[in-house]
Amino acid sequence: MFREQIGRAEGAKIVQPGKTDTGMLSRWAFTEITDASFHWKGAGSADDGKSWHRFVEVLARRHPAAT
């Protein structure tokens, strides 16, 4: 499966709009981005963007690379 999304900065966030293989709108967002962490959310809309439902949410921490 291949999905094309283009990430764009929106203020302090990175947003990637696109469509699923069924044609539903999708939106991935990276927020609260720091050197040590970020918040990643994925949502979909079956009504052309009038309403969105979140289907994934990740709170991630970055670890320094081992040397």
C-alpha atoms as a PDB file:
ATOM      1  CA  MET A   1       0.000   0.000   0.000  1.00  0.00           C
ATOM      2  CA  PHE A   2       1.204   3.492  -0.825  1.00  0.00           C
ATOM      3  CA  ARG A   3      -0.192   6.752   0.515  1.00  0.00           C
ATOM      4  CA  GLU A   4       1.177  10.116  -0.451  1.00  0.00           C
ATOM      5  CA  GLN A   5       1.138  12.861   2.135  1.00  0.00           C
ATOM      6  CA  ILE A   6       2.988  16.143   2.132  1.00  0.00           C
ATOM      7  CA  GLY A   7       4.048  17.506   5.519  1.00  0.00           C
ATOM      8  CA  ARG A   8       3.837  21.232   6.082  1.00  0.00           C
ATOM      9  CA  ALA A   9       4.654  23.430   9.020  1.00  0.00           C
ATOM     10  CA  GLU A  10       1.623  25.085  10.623  1.00  0.00           C
ATOM     11  CA  GLY A  11       3.042  27.285  13.330  1.00  0.00           C
ATOM     12  CA  ALA A  12       4.885  24.982  15.724  1.00  0.00           C
ATOM     13  CA  LYS A  13       3.219  21.825  14.303  1.00  0.00           C
ATOM     14  CA  ILE A  14       3.866  19.622  11.284  1.00  0.00           C
ATOM     15  CA  VAL A  15       0.661  18.503   9.551  1.00  0.00           C
ATOM     16  CA  GLN A  16       0.361  15.845   6.837  1.00  0.00           C
ATOM     17  CA  PRO A  17      -3.027  15.825   5.073  1.00  0.00           C
ATOM     18  CA  GLY A  18      -3.964  13.027   2.695  1.00  0.00           C
ATOM     19  CA  LYS A  19      -6.507  10.327   1.837  1.00  0.00           C
ATOM     20  CA  THR A  20      -6.816   6.676   2.818  1.00  0.00           C
ATOM     21  CA  ASP A  21      -7.107   3.871   0.267  1.00  0.00           C
ATOM     22  CA  THR A  22     -10.922   4.166   0.609  1.00  0.00           C
ATOM     23  CA  GLY A  23     -10.837   7.900  -0.189  1.00  0.00           C
ATOM     24  CA  MET A  24     -11.467   9.086   3.381  1.00  0.00           C
ATOM     25  CA  LEU A  25      -9.581  12.251   4.355  1.00  0.00           C
ATOM     26  CA  SER A  26      -6.737  11.675   6.784  1.00  0.00           C
ATOM     27  CA  ARG A  27      -4.599  14.059   8.792  1.00  0.00           C
ATOM     28  CA  TRP A  28      -1.434  13.282  10.751  1.00  0.00           C
ATOM     29  CA  ALA A  29      -0.085  15.944  13.080  1.00  0.00           C
ATOM     30  CA  PHE A  30       3.137  16.218  15.043  1.00  0.00           C
ATOM     31  CA  THR A  31       2.781  18.701  17.909  1.00  0.00           C
ATOM     32  CA  GLU A  32       4.605  19.659  21.091  1.00  0.00           C
ATOM     33  CA  ILE A  33       7.879  18.981  19.262  1.00  0.00           C
ATOM     34  CA  THR A  34      11.009  19.304  21.397  1.00  0.00           C
ATOM     35  CA  ASP A  35      14.516  17.887  21.255  1.00  0.00           C
ATOM     36  CA  ALA A  36      13.363  15.144  23.642  1.00  0.00           C
ATOM     37  CA  SER A  37       9.745  14.384  22.670  1.00  0.00           C
ATOM     38  CA  PHE A  38       6.761  14.910  20.384  1.00  0.00           C
ATOM     39  CA  HIS A  39       3.006  14.228  20.279  1.00  0.00           C
ATOM     40  CA  TRP A  40       1.753  12.413  17.157  1.00  0.00           C
ATOM     41  CA  LYS A  41      -1.950  12.219  16.264  1.00  0.00           C
ATOM     42  CA  GLY A  42      -3.780  10.646  13.332  1.00  0.00           C
ATOM     43  CA  ALA A  43      -7.391  11.430  12.439  1.00  0.00           C
ATOM     44  CA  GLY A  44      -9.844  10.635   9.666  1.00  0.00           C
ATOM     45  CA  SER A  45     -12.940  12.296   8.231  1.00  0.00           C
ATOM     46  CA  ALA A  46     -15.699  10.478   6.357  1.00  0.00           C
ATOM     47  CA  ASP A  47     -17.710  13.692   5.774  1.00  0.00           C
ATOM     48  CA  ASP A  48     -15.225  15.757   3.774  1.00  0.00           C
ATOM     49  CA  GLY A  49     -13.626  17.424   6.797  1.00  0.00           C
ATOM     50  CA  LYS A  50     -16.774  18.512   8.665  1.00  0.00           C
ATOM     51  CA  SER A  51     -15.897  16.215  11.569  1.00  0.00           C
ATOM     52  CA  TRP A  52     -12.798  14.205  12.472  1.00  0.00           C
ATOM     53  CA  HIS A  53     -12.247  11.089  14.576  1.00  0.00           C
ATOM     54  CA  ARG A  54      -8.869  10.336  16.092  1.00  0.00           C
ATOM     55  CA  PHE A  55      -7.647   6.821  15.363  1.00  0.00           C
ATOM     56  CA  VAL A  56      -4.131   6.996  16.778  1.00  0.00           C
ATOM     57  CA  GLU A  57      -2.299   9.056  19.375  1.00  0.00           C
ATOM     58  CA  VAL A  58       1.339   8.592  20.356  1.00  0.00           C
ATOM     59  CA  LEU A  59       3.359  10.398  23.008  1.00  0.00           C
ATOM     60  CA  ALA A  60       6.968   9.737  22.042  1.00  0.00           C
ATOM     61  CA  ARG A  61      10.275  10.363  23.729  1.00  0.00           C
ATOM     62  CA  ARG A  62      13.555  10.522  21.882  1.00  0.00           C
ATOM     63  CA  HIS A  63      16.633   8.829  23.262  1.00  0.00           C
ATOM     64  CA  PRO A  64      20.153  10.001  22.442  1.00  0.00           C
ATOM     65  CA  ALA A  65      21.960   7.842  19.930  1.00  0.00           C
ATOM     66  CA  ALA A  66      24.402   5.388  21.437  1.00  0.00           C
ATOM     67  CA  THR A  67      28.039   6.224  20.772  1.00  0.00           C
END
